[in-house]
Amino acid sequence: MAITHQHDVLIIGSGAAGLSLALRLASNGSIAIISKEELSSGSTYYAQGGISAVLSEEDFFESHIDDTINAGAGLCDADSVRFTIEHGPENIRWLQQLGVPFSKEIAPNGQRILHLTREGGHSFRRVVHAEDATGKALSNTLINHVRHHTSIDTYENYIAVDLITGSKQGLDHNRCIGAYILNKHTGHVETFLAKNVVLATGGASKVYLYTSNPDTSTGDGIAMAWRAGCRVGNMEFNQFHPTCLYHPEAKSFLISEAVRGEGGKLLLPNGKQFMQRFDERGELAPRDIVARAIDHEMKRLGADCLYLDISHRSAAFIKSHFPTIHTRCLKYGIDITKEPIPVVPAAHYTCGGVLTDMQGQTDIECLFAIGETAFTQLHGANRLASNSLLECLVFAEATSKDILANLSGVKPETKVVPWDESRVTDSDEEVVVTHNWDELRRFMWDYVGIVRTNKRLERAMRRIHLLQHEINEYYSNFRISSDLIELRNLCKVSELIVRCAMERKESRGLHFSLDYPEALDTEIKDTVLEPGKVSTQVTPIQAIQ
């Protein structure tokens, strides 16, 4: 028997964006949170660095705005940047009220104040953090409040399959009215109906072979929104974190930006520094510059990794500021108080995503996107460190206000066509999914990584089309699984990344092409893709001087 759930708001994703939105809405309606695994399985939990906000007397909004725009290489929207940054301090205060245990220090006047660290691209210390495990502290606090709120229902080990819209149901409107969601416990698809649906599913870093993100970062929200009819933009800008631990057993362990912010030096295998050859800011240059410099030197030398050294700071300082990194590295026989850390770049953040307005509204009525899933035009061509968690919080707040203002006027749909499993069978060839998953991630790394060419992009697209044919055939004939859903989404998002990269005939920010090594001086544009159109629609935005 088909199972149907009814709520006021359906939130797909349980990171900082989804959880904070749920808490802001919960007093005014019934909320459902969908999580692919446990609630703490998203990228937020693994974030080490922190949240950027203007919180010191020396700092000011205009500086944070300028730093963001400079990192974004001309593609940041001025209004989005200002909106996000000016709402930063109030959101940090909100988190403090919830009890997030941010690190403190003693001010000269004897008061305990927030300890602020500095990261690459920032002009001031403005990154609030909880030692080097900010995401864990943030997630645990939000999850604790969510679990104790009577208006919030949590569904763990559920994975969204597709959105339900009015047009797909033959209704006289095209509102988003819910989603089909696979219960991983039972293996059956359930129907979730809601007045409003929010995509907070994170990014798509798992399209790449090496990533700092957990296995859940498979671009589900972006793919579902695209299939439902939403535009996406700037998918060519995938941020590679410059420093992930290089060790065969480590699996995507991030070395925080703050290590460089606190004086960490990047070294070649011979022990020499090199960043000054690439940028006058050295180790404090924005991530795209640092990642590309590391990639260049590794390829020039044929080196498996480079090194990040903080051992010139005292052992007490290192252990107090980076306890998680110190402990994890010791597990692999690396004492960071005495020796450098072997590091490589890895896919880290999806700067593009589903187009939204300043309230998180997508092209489809009652469908919202927030966090890494969304394209708010904040990040431009390169995300400034620690602006991502800030974006999650600010746009979750803005979306909550918009939803609450219109909630009473939305008529709920109570009946839809249930998911049909009658014409599919269990697969006896799961190896197809596994093989295609591995193939996709490897050629995306090789052909659509830090440095691109036209030929590499063309090769990638040919392989994507072949995989899509195989995936669609498999999807049509066999009962779906979590792995198949993720593979289907990854393949679609890979196509969107390559299409955007093909459209951009220049190098800008995180998109670097050997065929177009220079940035265009005129008509700075976002790359926007529209469902149903083969070619991209390139839309000018407000130029930032």
Protein backbone atom coordinates (compact mmCIF):
# COMPACT_ATOMS: atom_id res chain seq x y z
CA MET A 1 0.00 0.00 0.00
CA ALA A 2 1.34 3.42 -1.03
CA ILE A 3 2.38 5.66 1.88
CA THR A 4 1.67 9.40 1.73
CA HIS A 5 2.90 12.07 4.16
CA GLN A 6 1.48 15.59 4.45
CA HIS A 7 3.31 18.65 5.86
CA ASP A 8 3.33 22.40 5.50
CA VAL A 9 6.98 22.48 4.47
CA LEU A 10 9.16 19.68 3.12
CA ILE A 11 12.90 20.32 3.53
CA ILE A 12 15.18 17.97 1.59
CA GLY A 13 18.61 18.06 3.20
CA SER A 14 19.91 18.29 6.76
CA GLY A 15 22.91 20.60 6.64
CA ALA A 16 23.16 24.10 8.07
CA ALA A 17 20.69 25.51 5.55
CA GLY A 18 17.97 22.89 6.01
CA LEU A 19 18.23 22.59 9.78
CA SER A 20 18.30 26.33 10.46
CA LEU A 21 15.33 26.85 8.13
CA ALA A 22 13.36 24.15 9.95
CA LEU A 23 13.98 25.82 13.31
CA ARG A 24 12.88 29.21 12.01
CA LEU A 25 9.65 27.74 10.60
CA ALA A 26 8.72 25.18 13.22
CA SER A 27 6.59 27.42 15.43
CA ASN A 28 4.27 28.18 12.53
CA GLY A 29 3.65 24.87 10.81
CA SER A 30 4.48 21.20 10.39
CA ILE A 31 7.95 20.53 8.99
CA ALA A 32 9.51 17.41 7.47
CA ILE A 33 13.28 17.05 7.11
CA ILE A 34 14.60 14.43 4.69
CA SER A 35 18.14 13.14 5.22
CA LYS A 36 19.88 10.60 2.98
CA GLU A 37 21.60 9.07 5.98
CA GLU A 38 21.65 10.31 9.57
CA LEU A 39 20.96 14.03 10.14
CA SER A 40 24.68 14.74 10.53
CA SER A 41 25.64 13.19 7.19
CA GLY A 42 25.88 16.43 5.18
CA SER A 43 28.93 18.53 4.36
CA THR A 44 28.24 21.00 7.19
CA TYR A 45 29.24 18.45 9.82
CA TYR A 46 32.72 18.17 8.29
CA ALA A 47 33.40 21.89 7.90
CA GLN A 48 36.50 22.83 9.86
CA GLY A 49 37.03 26.53 9.22
CA GLY A 50 34.10 28.61 10.32
CA ILE A 51 31.60 31.32 9.43
CA SER A 52 32.69 34.74 8.17
CA ALA A 53 30.97 37.81 9.56
CA VAL A 54 31.89 41.37 10.54
CA LEU A 55 32.15 41.05 14.31
CA SER A 56 35.18 43.11 15.41
CA GLU A 57 35.46 46.87 15.90
CA GLU A 58 38.29 47.10 13.35
CA ASP A 59 36.33 45.29 10.65
CA PHE A 60 33.55 46.78 8.53
CA PHE A 61 30.93 45.63 6.00
CA GLU A 62 32.52 47.32 3.00
CA SER A 63 35.77 45.39 3.56
CA HIS A 64 33.98 42.03 3.67
CA ILE A 65 31.98 43.03 0.57
CA ASP A 66 35.13 44.05 -1.31
CA ASP A 67 36.95 40.83 -0.32
CA THR A 68 34.03 38.74 -1.55
CA ILE A 69 33.81 40.58 -4.86
CA ASN A 70 37.57 40.41 -5.40
CA ALA A 71 37.56 36.66 -4.83
CA GLY A 72 34.56 36.29 -7.15
CA ALA A 73 36.52 37.61 -10.14
CA GLY A 74 33.83 39.96 -11.42
CA LEU A 75 30.81 37.66 -11.24
CA CYS A 76 29.41 38.47 -7.81
CA ASP A 77 26.10 40.28 -7.75
CA ALA A 78 26.48 43.43 -5.63
CA ASP A 79 23.03 43.23 -4.05
CA SER A 80 23.39 39.57 -3.11
CA VAL A 81 26.82 40.18 -1.57
CA ARG A 82 25.66 43.15 0.48
CA PHE A 83 22.49 41.38 1.60
CA THR A 84 24.41 38.33 2.81
CA ILE A 85 27.17 40.20 4.59
CA GLU A 86 24.97 42.78 6.29
CA HIS A 87 22.80 39.99 7.75
CA GLY A 88 25.82 38.05 8.99
CA PRO A 89 26.22 39.40 12.55
CA GLU A 90 22.56 38.86 13.49
CA ASN A 91 22.77 35.22 12.34
CA ILE A 92 25.89 34.62 14.42
CA ARG A 93 24.03 36.06 17.42
CA TRP A 94 21.13 33.70 16.67
CA LEU A 95 23.51 30.74 16.71
CA GLN A 96 24.97 31.93 20.00
CA GLN A 97 21.47 32.04 21.47
CA LEU A 98 20.98 28.44 20.34
CA GLY A 99 24.17 27.51 22.19
CA VAL A 100 26.72 26.87 19.44
CA PRO A 101 30.03 26.61 21.39
CA PHE A 102 32.16 29.08 19.42
CA SER A 103 35.76 29.52 20.52
CA LYS A 104 36.37 32.46 22.87
CA GLU A 105 39.34 34.54 23.99
CA ILE A 106 40.01 37.10 26.72
CA ALA A 107 39.93 40.68 25.47
CA PRO A 108 42.31 43.36 26.90
CA ASN A 109 39.41 44.61 29.07
CA GLY A 110 39.04 41.15 30.59
CA GLN A 111 35.83 40.20 28.75
CA ARG A 112 35.39 36.84 27.02
CA ILE A 113 34.76 37.51 23.35
CA LEU A 114 34.53 35.45 20.19
CA HIS A 115 37.92 34.37 18.86
CA LEU A 116 38.16 35.36 15.21
CA THR A 117 40.56 33.72 12.80
CA ARG A 118 41.62 34.81 9.32
CA GLU A 119 41.46 32.85 6.10
CA GLY A 120 42.71 33.36 2.54
CA GLY A 121 41.24 36.39 0.76
CA HIS A 122 40.02 38.11 3.94
CA SER A 123 41.45 41.51 4.92
CA PHE A 124 40.63 41.06 8.60
CA ARG A 125 40.12 38.40 11.20
CA ARG A 126 36.39 37.77 10.80
CA VAL A 127 35.92 33.99 10.86
CA VAL A 128 34.06 32.76 13.94
CA HIS A 129 34.81 29.11 14.69
CA ALA A 130 34.63 26.27 17.22
CA GLU A 131 38.30 25.27 17.31
CA ASP A 132 38.81 23.44 14.01
CA ALA A 133 35.50 21.56 14.04
CA THR A 134 32.98 24.35 13.49
CA GLY A 135 30.67 22.31 11.32
CA LYS A 136 30.42 19.54 13.90
CA ALA A 137 29.59 22.01 16.68
CA LEU A 138 27.05 23.79 14.48
CA SER A 139 25.40 20.57 13.28
CA ASN A 140 25.19 19.02 16.74
CA THR A 141 23.55 22.14 18.17
CA LEU A 142 21.00 22.50 15.36
CA ILE A 143 20.21 18.76 15.38
CA ASN A 144 19.64 18.80 19.13
CA HIS A 145 17.09 21.60 18.80
CA VAL A 146 15.42 19.94 15.80
CA ARG A 147 15.02 16.60 17.57
CA HIS A 148 13.32 18.27 20.52
CA HIS A 149 10.84 20.32 18.48
CA THR A 150 7.40 18.74 18.31
CA SER A 151 6.53 20.33 14.95
CA ILE A 152 9.52 18.85 13.12
CA ASP A 153 9.45 15.29 11.79
CA THR A 154 12.80 13.86 10.74
CA TYR A 155 13.16 11.11 8.14
CA GLU A 156 16.65 9.61 8.19
CA ASN A 157 17.87 7.21 5.52
CA TYR A 158 15.40 8.58 3.00
CA ILE A 159 16.57 9.81 -0.40
CA ALA A 160 14.59 12.02 -2.76
CA VAL A 161 13.91 10.62 -6.22
CA ASP A 162 12.08 13.45 -7.99
CA LEU A 163 9.95 16.51 -7.34
CA ILE A 164 6.18 16.47 -7.85
CA THR A 165 4.81 19.46 -9.77
CA GLY A 166 1.34 20.39 -10.83
CA SER A 167 2.04 20.07 -14.54
CA LYS A 168 3.36 16.52 -14.12
CA GLN A 169 0.14 15.63 -12.29
CA GLY A 170 -2.14 17.17 -14.93
CA LEU A 171 -3.25 19.97 -12.58
CA ASP A 172 -4.15 23.53 -13.59
CA HIS A 173 -0.99 24.96 -12.00
CA ASN A 174 2.71 24.15 -11.91
CA ARG A 175 3.42 24.62 -8.23
CA CYS A 176 5.79 22.21 -6.56
CA ILE A 177 3.58 20.11 -4.32
CA GLY A 178 5.96 17.50 -2.94
CA ALA A 179 8.45 14.79 -3.82
CA TYR A 180 8.75 11.07 -4.35
CA ILE A 181 11.22 9.78 -1.76
CA LEU A 182 12.81 6.35 -1.39
CA ASN A 183 12.65 4.82 2.08
CA LYS A 184 16.02 3.08 2.25
CA HIS A 185 14.81 0.91 5.15
CA THR A 186 12.01 -0.69 3.11
CA GLY A 187 13.25 -0.15 -0.44
CA HIS A 188 9.92 1.43 -1.43
CA VAL A 189 9.10 4.95 -2.63
CA GLU A 190 6.81 7.10 -0.49
CA THR A 191 4.97 10.28 -1.42
CA PHE A 192 5.62 13.47 0.56
CA LEU A 193 3.19 16.34 -0.06
CA ALA A 194 3.69 19.90 1.18
CA LYS A 195 2.62 23.49 0.59
CA ASN A 196 6.28 24.42 0.10
CA VAL A 197 9.32 22.33 -0.84
CA VAL A 198 12.88 23.41 -0.07
CA LEU A 199 16.00 21.93 -1.67
CA ALA A 200 18.89 22.08 0.79
CA THR A 201 20.79 19.09 -0.56
CA GLY A 202 24.27 20.59 -0.83
CA GLY A 203 26.64 20.49 -3.76
CA ALA A 204 27.92 17.98 -6.27
CA SER A 205 31.59 17.45 -5.41
CA LYS A 206 31.22 13.67 -5.74
CA VAL A 207 31.26 14.07 -9.51
CA TYR A 208 35.03 14.17 -8.98
CA LEU A 209 37.34 11.35 -8.02
CA TYR A 210 38.91 13.30 -5.16
CA THR A 211 36.77 15.42 -2.88
CA SER A 212 36.83 16.81 0.64
CA ASN A 213 33.09 16.23 1.00
CA PRO A 214 31.18 13.21 2.30
CA ASP A 215 29.57 10.63 0.01
CA THR A 216 26.23 12.47 0.18
CA SER A 217 27.40 15.38 -2.04
CA THR A 218 25.88 14.07 -5.25
CA GLY A 219 24.01 17.11 -6.59
CA ASP A 220 20.56 15.67 -5.94
CA GLY A 221 18.74 18.98 -5.55
CA ILE A 222 20.33 20.54 -8.63
CA ALA A 223 19.45 17.52 -10.79
CA MET A 224 15.88 17.29 -9.47
CA ALA A 225 15.27 21.01 -9.97
CA TRP A 226 16.60 20.81 -13.53
CA ARG A 227 14.35 17.85 -14.36
CA ALA A 228 11.41 19.77 -12.88
CA GLY A 229 12.08 22.76 -15.17
CA CYS A 230 14.32 25.13 -13.20
CA ARG A 231 17.25 27.04 -14.65
CA VAL A 232 20.74 26.47 -13.29
CA GLY A 233 23.76 28.73 -13.53
CA ASN A 234 27.56 28.94 -13.25
CA MET A 235 28.04 25.20 -12.88
CA GLU A 236 31.52 25.50 -14.42
CA PHE A 237 32.80 27.02 -11.16
CA ASN A 238 33.73 24.13 -8.92
CA GLN A 239 36.03 25.10 -6.09
CA PHE A 240 38.90 22.77 -5.37
CA HIS A 241 40.13 23.08 -1.80
CA PRO A 242 43.90 23.47 -2.08
CA THR A 243 44.82 21.33 0.90
CA CYS A 244 43.39 17.90 1.58
CA LEU A 245 45.46 15.34 3.46
CA TYR A 246 47.34 13.07 1.09
CA HIS A 247 47.39 9.61 2.60
CA PRO A 248 46.07 6.31 1.24
CA GLU A 249 43.89 5.75 4.28
CA ALA A 250 42.70 9.32 4.91
CA LYS A 251 39.79 9.53 2.41
CA SER A 252 38.84 13.15 1.88
CA PHE A 253 40.13 14.69 5.10
CA LEU A 254 40.31 18.45 4.78
CA ILE A 255 43.15 20.59 6.15
CA SER A 256 41.44 23.83 7.09
CA GLU A 257 42.09 27.14 5.33
CA ALA A 258 42.78 28.50 8.82
CA VAL A 259 46.10 26.64 8.94
CA ARG A 260 47.37 28.98 6.23
CA GLY A 261 45.56 31.87 7.89
CA GLU A 262 47.57 31.24 11.06
CA GLY A 263 50.91 31.18 9.27
CA GLY A 264 51.08 27.77 7.57
CA LYS A 265 53.57 27.66 4.67
CA LEU A 266 53.13 25.74 1.43
CA LEU A 267 56.31 23.89 0.49
CA LEU A 268 57.69 21.96 -2.45
CA PRO A 269 59.14 18.48 -1.80
CA ASN A 270 62.57 20.15 -1.43
CA GLY A 271 61.24 22.32 1.41
CA LYS A 272 61.11 25.62 -0.53
CA GLN A 273 58.14 28.00 -0.55
CA PHE A 274 56.60 28.82 -3.92
CA MET A 275 53.34 30.77 -3.52
CA GLN A 276 54.99 34.20 -3.90
CA ARG A 277 55.72 33.27 -7.54
CA PHE A 278 51.97 33.02 -8.16
CA ASP A 279 50.48 35.80 -6.00
CA GLU A 280 51.85 38.61 -3.86
CA ARG A 281 49.56 37.49 -1.02
CA GLY A 282 51.37 34.17 -0.93
CA GLU A 283 49.59 31.56 1.19
CA LEU A 284 46.74 34.01 1.86
CA ALA A 285 45.69 34.22 -1.79
CA PRO A 286 42.12 33.04 -2.62
CA ARG A 287 41.53 29.33 -3.05
CA ASP A 288 41.40 29.22 -6.84
CA ILE A 289 44.87 30.74 -7.10
CA VAL A 290 46.33 28.48 -4.42
CA ALA A 291 44.74 25.30 -5.83
CA ARG A 292 45.92 26.09 -9.35
CA ALA A 293 49.43 26.87 -8.07
CA ILE A 294 49.63 23.55 -6.23
CA ASP A 295 48.26 21.69 -9.27
CA HIS A 296 50.83 23.44 -11.51
CA GLU A 297 53.77 22.60 -9.28
CA MET A 298 52.69 18.97 -8.82
CA LYS A 299 52.47 18.51 -12.59
CA ARG A 300 55.73 20.39 -13.22
CA LEU A 301 57.62 18.23 -10.75
CA GLY A 302 55.69 15.01 -11.24
CA ALA A 303 55.02 15.07 -7.50
CA ASP A 304 52.25 13.06 -5.83
CA CYS A 305 51.68 15.85 -3.30
CA LEU A 306 53.07 19.07 -1.84
CA TYR A 307 53.35 20.08 1.83
CA LEU A 308 51.75 22.47 4.30
CA ASP A 309 53.94 23.33 7.28
CA ILE A 310 52.74 24.93 10.54
CA SER A 311 55.44 23.33 12.71
CA HIS A 312 57.21 26.69 13.24
CA ARG A 313 54.34 27.64 15.57
CA SER A 314 54.45 26.30 19.11
CA ALA A 315 53.08 22.85 19.85
CA ALA A 316 50.67 24.37 22.38
CA PHE A 317 49.31 26.79 19.77
CA ILE A 318 48.84 24.03 17.18
CA LYS A 319 47.12 21.66 19.60
CA SER A 320 44.75 24.37 20.87
CA HIS A 321 43.85 25.81 17.46
CA PHE A 322 43.82 22.62 15.39
CA PRO A 323 43.09 19.72 17.74
CA THR A 324 41.08 17.73 15.18
CA ILE A 325 43.72 18.06 12.47
CA HIS A 326 46.51 17.25 14.95
CA THR A 327 44.75 14.14 16.20
CA ARG A 328 43.75 12.90 12.75
CA CYS A 329 47.25 13.37 11.31
CA LEU A 330 48.79 11.55 14.30
CA LYS A 331 46.54 8.62 13.41
CA TYR A 332 48.46 8.39 10.13
CA GLY A 333 51.87 8.89 11.73
CA ILE A 334 52.19 12.61 10.97
CA ASP A 335 53.03 14.92 13.89
CA ILE A 336 52.13 18.38 12.59
CA THR A 337 53.93 20.04 15.51
CA LYS A 338 57.21 18.68 14.09
CA GLU A 339 56.73 18.00 10.36
CA PRO A 340 54.79 19.26 7.34
CA ILE A 341 51.47 17.81 6.19
CA PRO A 342 51.32 16.15 2.73
CA VAL A 343 48.46 17.81 0.80
CA VAL A 344 46.69 17.74 -2.59
CA PRO A 345 43.76 19.75 -4.01
CA ALA A 346 40.31 18.13 -3.97
CA ALA A 347 36.85 19.12 -5.15
CA HIS A 348 35.21 21.06 -2.36
CA TYR A 349 32.39 23.44 -3.28
CA THR A 350 29.85 23.97 -6.07
CA CYS A 351 29.62 27.73 -6.65
CA GLY A 352 26.76 27.49 -9.14
CA GLY A 353 23.41 25.78 -8.74
CA VAL A 354 19.67 26.37 -9.01
CA LEU A 355 18.78 29.98 -9.84
CA THR A 356 16.96 31.72 -7.00
CA ASP A 357 15.92 35.19 -5.96
CA MET A 358 16.86 36.83 -2.65
CA GLN A 359 14.21 34.78 -0.85
CA GLY A 360 15.40 31.44 -2.20
CA GLN A 361 12.49 31.15 -4.67
CA THR A 362 13.27 29.15 -7.83
CA ASP A 363 11.57 29.32 -11.24
CA ILE A 364 8.79 27.04 -9.93
CA GLU A 365 6.24 28.42 -7.48
CA CYS A 366 6.55 27.04 -3.93
CA LEU A 367 9.93 25.47 -4.69
CA PHE A 368 12.92 26.99 -2.91
CA ALA A 369 16.65 26.27 -2.95
CA ILE A 370 19.10 27.31 -0.25
CA GLY A 371 22.70 26.63 0.68
CA GLU A 372 25.17 25.06 -1.73
CA THR A 373 22.30 23.82 -3.93
CA ALA A 374 21.36 27.38 -4.83
CA PHE A 375 22.87 29.92 -7.19
CA THR A 376 22.34 33.19 -5.31
CA GLN A 377 25.09 35.07 -7.22
CA LEU A 378 26.99 35.55 -3.96
CA HIS A 379 30.11 33.61 -4.85
CA GLY A 380 30.72 34.59 -8.44
CA ALA A 381 33.60 32.73 -10.06
CA ASN A 382 35.26 31.75 -6.77
CA ARG A 383 33.89 31.43 -3.25
CA LEU A 384 35.61 33.42 -0.51
CA ALA A 385 36.51 31.16 2.42
CA SER A 386 33.78 30.68 5.08
CA ASN A 387 31.14 32.60 3.13
CA SER A 388 29.26 29.36 2.45
CA LEU A 389 27.95 28.67 5.94
CA LEU A 390 27.08 32.35 6.16
CA GLU A 391 25.05 32.03 2.96
CA CYS A 392 23.23 28.99 4.39
CA LEU A 393 22.13 30.91 7.46
CA VAL A 394 21.22 34.22 5.80
CA PHE A 395 19.18 32.71 2.98
CA ALA A 396 17.50 30.22 5.31
CA GLU A 397 16.32 33.21 7.33
CA ALA A 398 15.14 35.07 4.21
CA THR A 399 13.36 31.97 2.86
CA SER A 400 11.62 31.37 6.18
CA LYS A 401 10.18 34.90 6.11
CA ASP A 402 8.90 34.45 2.55
CA ILE A 403 7.34 31.06 3.28
CA LEU A 404 5.65 32.29 6.46
CA ALA A 405 4.27 35.38 4.70
CA ASN A 406 2.53 33.24 2.07
CA LEU A 407 1.86 29.95 3.89
CA SER A 408 -1.80 30.57 4.63
CA GLY A 409 -2.53 31.40 1.00
CA VAL A 410 -1.21 28.11 -0.42
CA LYS A 411 -3.82 25.40 -0.95
CA PRO A 412 -2.41 21.94 -0.14
CA GLU A 413 -2.74 19.13 -2.64
CA THR A 414 -3.93 15.92 -1.03
CA LYS A 415 -4.00 13.47 -3.92
CA VAL A 416 -1.33 12.66 -6.48
CA VAL A 417 -0.49 9.69 -8.65
CA PRO A 418 1.54 7.31 -6.46
CA TRP A 419 4.92 5.94 -7.48
CA ASP A 420 4.50 2.98 -9.83
CA GLU A 421 6.75 -0.04 -9.19
CA SER A 422 4.54 -2.56 -10.97
CA ARG A 423 6.58 -2.79 -14.17
CA VAL A 424 10.11 -3.07 -12.77
CA THR A 425 12.11 -5.95 -11.37
CA ASP A 426 15.05 -6.37 -9.02
CA SER A 427 18.38 -6.00 -10.77
CA ASP A 428 20.87 -8.82 -10.88
CA GLU A 429 23.59 -6.53 -12.28
CA GLU A 430 24.42 -3.95 -9.59
CA VAL A 431 27.97 -3.95 -10.96
CA VAL A 432 26.67 -1.73 -13.78
CA VAL A 433 25.94 1.04 -11.27
CA THR A 434 29.26 0.63 -9.50
CA HIS A 435 31.28 0.63 -12.72
CA ASN A 436 29.51 3.66 -14.19
CA TRP A 437 29.90 5.58 -10.94
CA ASP A 438 33.68 4.98 -10.94
CA GLU A 439 34.03 5.79 -14.63
CA LEU A 440 32.12 9.06 -14.30
CA ARG A 441 34.17 10.36 -11.38
CA ARG A 442 37.47 9.44 -13.00
CA PHE A 443 36.91 11.11 -16.37
CA MET A 444 35.42 14.18 -14.69
CA TRP A 445 38.62 14.47 -12.65
CA ASP A 446 40.83 13.96 -15.71
CA TYR A 447 38.90 16.09 -18.21
CA VAL A 448 36.90 18.67 -16.21
CA GLY A 449 39.22 19.33 -13.26
CA ILE A 450 41.30 22.35 -12.23
CA VAL A 451 42.68 22.91 -15.77
CA ARG A 452 40.45 22.33 -18.84
CA THR A 453 40.65 22.29 -22.63
CA ASN A 454 38.04 22.15 -25.36
CA LYS A 455 39.06 18.62 -26.31
CA ARG A 456 38.90 17.41 -22.70
CA LEU A 457 35.40 18.84 -22.34
CA GLU A 458 34.27 17.20 -25.59
CA ARG A 459 35.64 13.84 -24.47
CA ALA A 460 33.84 14.17 -21.16
CA MET A 461 30.53 15.04 -22.84
CA ARG A 462 30.68 12.02 -25.16
CA ARG A 463 31.18 9.73 -22.19
CA ILE A 464 28.41 11.45 -20.23
CA HIS A 465 25.93 10.87 -23.04
CA LEU A 466 26.88 7.19 -23.22
CA LEU A 467 26.47 6.78 -19.45
CA GLN A 468 23.13 8.60 -19.50
CA HIS A 469 21.81 6.13 -22.08
CA GLU A 470 22.86 3.19 -19.91
CA ILE A 471 21.53 4.78 -16.72
CA ASN A 472 18.13 5.62 -18.26
CA GLU A 473 17.77 2.07 -19.57
CA TYR A 474 18.65 0.69 -16.14
CA TYR A 475 16.33 3.20 -14.39
CA SER A 476 13.39 2.19 -16.61
CA ASN A 477 13.65 -1.54 -16.05
CA PHE A 478 14.84 -2.12 -12.51
CA ARG A 479 13.73 -1.18 -9.03
CA ILE A 480 15.63 1.92 -7.97
CA SER A 481 18.28 2.03 -5.25
CA SER A 482 20.06 4.82 -3.44
CA ASP A 483 23.21 4.26 -5.53
CA LEU A 484 21.25 4.39 -8.79
CA ILE A 485 19.48 7.62 -7.78
CA GLU A 486 22.80 9.26 -6.90
CA LEU A 487 24.47 8.04 -10.11
CA ARG A 488 21.58 9.40 -12.19
CA ASN A 489 21.89 12.77 -10.46
CA LEU A 490 25.69 12.87 -10.69
CA CYS A 491 25.54 12.17 -14.41
CA LYS A 492 23.03 14.97 -15.00
CA VAL A 493 25.02 17.44 -12.93
CA SER A 494 28.21 16.45 -14.78
CA GLU A 495 26.45 17.29 -18.04
CA LEU A 496 25.45 20.70 -16.67
CA ILE A 497 29.03 21.38 -15.51
CA VAL A 498 30.47 20.50 -18.91
CA ARG A 499 27.82 22.49 -20.80
CA CYS A 500 28.58 25.58 -18.72
CA ALA A 501 32.32 25.09 -19.14
CA MET A 502 31.92 24.79 -22.91
CA GLU A 503 30.00 28.03 -23.02
CA ARG A 504 32.61 30.10 -21.18
CA LYS A 505 35.22 31.17 -23.74
CA GLU A 506 37.63 32.64 -21.19
CA SER A 507 39.46 31.80 -17.98
CA ARG A 508 37.87 33.32 -14.91
CA GLY A 509 38.12 32.36 -11.25
CA LEU A 510 37.71 28.62 -10.82
CA HIS A 511 37.29 27.99 -14.55
CA PHE A 512 40.70 27.84 -16.22
CA SER A 513 41.01 26.82 -19.88
CA LEU A 514 44.29 26.36 -21.72
CA ASP A 515 42.43 27.29 -24.93
CA TYR A 516 41.23 30.61 -23.45
CA PRO A 517 43.84 31.50 -20.80
CA GLU A 518 42.81 35.16 -20.44
CA ALA A 519 39.72 36.72 -18.92
CA LEU A 520 37.44 38.74 -21.18
CA ASP A 521 37.44 42.44 -20.39
CA THR A 522 33.97 43.23 -21.72
CA GLU A 523 30.44 42.03 -20.93
CA ILE A 524 31.08 39.96 -17.81
CA LYS A 525 28.35 37.28 -17.75
CA ASP A 526 26.88 34.42 -15.81
CA THR A 527 26.36 31.16 -17.64
CA VAL A 528 22.69 30.18 -17.34
CA LEU A 529 21.21 26.94 -18.67
CA GLU A 530 17.50 26.60 -19.35
CA PRO A 531 15.74 23.20 -19.59
CA GLY A 532 14.56 22.45 -23.10
CA LYS A 533 17.22 24.58 -24.77
CA VAL A 534 20.29 22.93 -26.26
CA SER A 535 22.49 25.98 -26.15
CA THR A 536 23.16 28.05 -23.06
CA GLN A 537 21.51 31.33 -22.36
CA VAL A 538 24.13 33.77 -21.19
CA THR A 539 22.71 36.54 -19.08
CA PRO A 540 24.58 39.76 -18.23
CA ILE A 541 24.70 40.72 -14.59
CA GLN A 542 25.58 43.91 -12.79
CA ALA A 543 29.25 44.63 -13.44
CA ILE A 544 31.36 45.14 -10.34
CA GLN A 545 34.04 47.80 -10.61
